[in-house]
Every structure is written in C-alpha cells, then in structure tokens.
C-alpha cells in the first residue's frame, strides 16, 4: 500500500464563518455524521477553536446505528 493513500486525511467538517477545514477523517462518508456550528456563550459540550478565524466551534456527532435500526435521541430524564 502506498504511504500517500495510507495516511490520507479527507476534510469532513468546515468552519461556518471562514470555510476552513477543521475536522478530517479517512472515510469521506463520515461527513454525514458530523455537524459543525458556532458555539453559543456558556456552551459546555465538545468544542474546537478554528485555527484561521479563532472562532469557537461546536462539534456535533450523530450516533452510529447498525443498519435496520433507528436512533432515538433522549431529550430529558423524568
């Protein structure tokens, strides 16, 4: 296997403010599972700083579910 194809990084997430690539993966299909948006004040989840425009970004990953099943998000615990 060629070393260029072995270490291939494909951009899958981009900064919504400056369109700079911030998340990379080996599989381009992972783009469907990741969402990037600008973080609100006080957000405590998974974040990342854009290297180009210095904007704090939120990384939202959809859960991976086996084929034939449906993922239902838990909204609140009562």
C-alpha atoms as a PDB file:
ATOM      1  CA  UNK A   1       0.000   0.000   0.000  1.00  0.00           C
ATOM      2  CA  UNK A   2       1.301   3.432  -0.901  1.00  0.00           C
ATOM      3  CA  UNK A   3       2.085   5.748   2.042  1.00  0.00           C
ATOM      4  CA  UNK A   4       0.152   8.611   0.424  1.00  0.00           C
ATOM      5  CA  UNK A   5      -3.086   6.618   0.390  1.00  0.00           C
ATOM      6  CA  UNK A   6      -2.431   5.118   3.831  1.00  0.00           C
ATOM      7  CA  UNK A   7      -2.233   8.499   5.603  1.00  0.00           C
ATOM      8  CA  UNK A   8      -4.958  10.183   3.558  1.00  0.00           C
ATOM      9  CA  UNK A   9      -6.921  12.807   5.507  1.00  0.00           C
ATOM     10  CA  UNK A  10     -10.171  13.995   3.937  1.00  0.00           C
ATOM     11  CA  UNK A  11     -11.775  17.178   5.324  1.00  0.00           C
ATOM     12  CA  UNK A  12     -15.263  16.423   6.659  1.00  0.00           C
ATOM     13  CA  UNK A  13     -16.049  19.475   8.820  1.00  0.00           C
ATOM     14  CA  UNK A  14     -15.662  23.147   7.908  1.00  0.00           C
ATOM     15  CA  UNK A  15     -15.871  26.378   9.915  1.00  0.00           C
ATOM     16  CA  UNK A  16     -19.211  28.086   9.129  1.00  0.00           C
ATOM     17  CA  UNK A  17     -17.601  31.541   9.418  1.00  0.00           C
ATOM     18  CA  UNK A  18     -14.495  31.214   7.197  1.00  0.00           C
ATOM     19  CA  UNK A  19     -14.958  27.777   5.486  1.00  0.00           C
ATOM     20  CA  UNK A  20     -11.615  26.500   6.800  1.00  0.00           C
ATOM     21  CA  UNK A  21     -11.393  22.688   7.201  1.00  0.00           C
ATOM     22  CA  UNK A  22     -11.337  21.810  10.916  1.00  0.00           C
ATOM     23  CA  UNK A  23     -12.164  18.077  11.053  1.00  0.00           C
ATOM     24  CA  UNK A  24     -10.549  15.329   8.997  1.00  0.00           C
ATOM     25  CA  UNK A  25     -11.244  11.591   8.534  1.00  0.00           C
ATOM     26  CA  UNK A  26     -10.030   8.652   6.483  1.00  0.00           C
ATOM     27  CA  UNK A  27     -13.542   7.843   5.249  1.00  0.00           C
ATOM     28  CA  UNK A  28     -15.438  10.585   3.339  1.00  0.00           C
ATOM     29  CA  UNK A  29     -18.770   9.011   4.396  1.00  0.00           C
ATOM     30  CA  UNK A  30     -18.125  10.273   7.941  1.00  0.00           C
ATOM     31  CA  UNK A  31     -19.196  13.728   6.679  1.00  0.00           C
ATOM     32  CA  UNK A  32     -22.824  12.656   7.160  1.00  0.00           C
ATOM     33  CA  UNK A  33     -22.266  12.012  10.890  1.00  0.00           C
ATOM     34  CA  UNK A  34     -20.624  15.322  11.865  1.00  0.00           C
ATOM     35  CA  UNK A  35     -22.059  18.834  12.142  1.00  0.00           C
ATOM     36  CA  UNK A  36     -20.024  21.960  12.931  1.00  0.00           C
ATOM     37  CA  UNK A  37     -21.612  25.198  14.164  1.00  0.00           C
ATOM     38  CA  UNK A  38     -20.559  28.321  16.079  1.00  0.00           C
ATOM     39  CA  UNK A  39     -20.672  27.876  19.875  1.00  0.00           C
ATOM     40  CA  UNK A  40     -23.013  29.990  21.971  1.00  0.00           C
ATOM     41  CA  UNK A  41     -21.858  31.634  25.207  1.00  0.00           C
ATOM     42  CA  UNK A  42     -21.838  29.139  28.069  1.00  0.00           C
ATOM     43  CA  UNK A  43     -21.836  26.001  25.894  1.00  0.00           C
ATOM     44  CA  UNK A  44     -20.217  23.122  27.832  1.00  0.00           C
ATOM     45  CA  UNK A  45     -20.053  20.311  25.249  1.00  0.00           C
ATOM     46  CA  UNK A  46     -17.376  19.286  22.763  1.00  0.00           C
ATOM     47  CA  UNK A  47     -15.793  22.381  21.195  1.00  0.00           C
ATOM     48  CA  UNK A  48     -12.890  23.283  18.931  1.00  0.00           C
ATOM     49  CA  UNK A  49     -11.118  26.523  18.017  1.00  0.00           C
ATOM     50  CA  UNK A  50     -10.830  27.402  14.313  1.00  0.00           C
ATOM     51  CA  UNK A  51      -7.157  27.993  13.546  1.00  0.00           C
ATOM     52  CA  UNK A  52      -7.890  30.565  10.845  1.00  0.00           C
ATOM     53  CA  UNK A  53     -10.537  32.902  12.315  1.00  0.00           C
ATOM     54  CA  UNK A  54     -10.262  31.946  16.047  1.00  0.00           C
ATOM     55  CA  UNK A  55     -13.985  31.190  16.362  1.00  0.00           C
ATOM     56  CA  UNK A  56     -15.094  28.636  18.975  1.00  0.00           C
ATOM     57  CA  UNK A  57     -16.989  25.831  17.202  1.00  0.00           C
ATOM     58  CA  UNK A  58     -19.339  23.096  18.435  1.00  0.00           C
ATOM     59  CA  UNK A  59     -18.737  19.584  17.084  1.00  0.00           C
ATOM     60  CA  UNK A  60     -21.963  17.530  16.957  1.00  0.00           C
ATOM     61  CA  UNK A  61     -21.644  13.844  16.104  1.00  0.00           C
ATOM     62  CA  UNK A  62     -24.652  11.735  15.198  1.00  0.00           C
ATOM     63  CA  UNK A  63     -24.679   8.296  16.853  1.00  0.00           C
ATOM     64  CA  UNK A  64     -23.660   5.368  14.675  1.00  0.00           C
ATOM     65  CA  UNK A  65     -26.511   2.867  14.451  1.00  0.00           C
ATOM     66  CA  UNK A  66     -26.494  -0.539  12.805  1.00  0.00           C
ATOM     67  CA  UNK A  67     -28.439  -0.912   9.582  1.00  0.00           C
ATOM     68  CA  UNK A  68     -32.131  -1.587  10.144  1.00  0.00           C
ATOM     69  CA  UNK A  69     -32.316   0.245  13.489  1.00  0.00           C
ATOM     70  CA  UNK A  70     -33.407   3.793  14.268  1.00  0.00           C
ATOM     71  CA  UNK A  71     -31.620   6.071  16.764  1.00  0.00           C
ATOM     72  CA  UNK A  72     -33.966   7.980  19.073  1.00  0.00           C
ATOM     73  CA  UNK A  73     -32.317  10.886  20.941  1.00  0.00           C
ATOM     74  CA  UNK A  74     -33.041  11.271  24.655  1.00  0.00           C
ATOM     75  CA  UNK A  75     -34.331  14.793  25.244  1.00  0.00           C
ATOM     76  CA  UNK A  76     -34.941  14.806  29.021  1.00  0.00           C
ATOM     77  CA  UNK A  77     -34.896  12.465  32.004  1.00  0.00           C
ATOM     78  CA  UNK A  78     -38.070  12.492  34.103  1.00  0.00           C
END
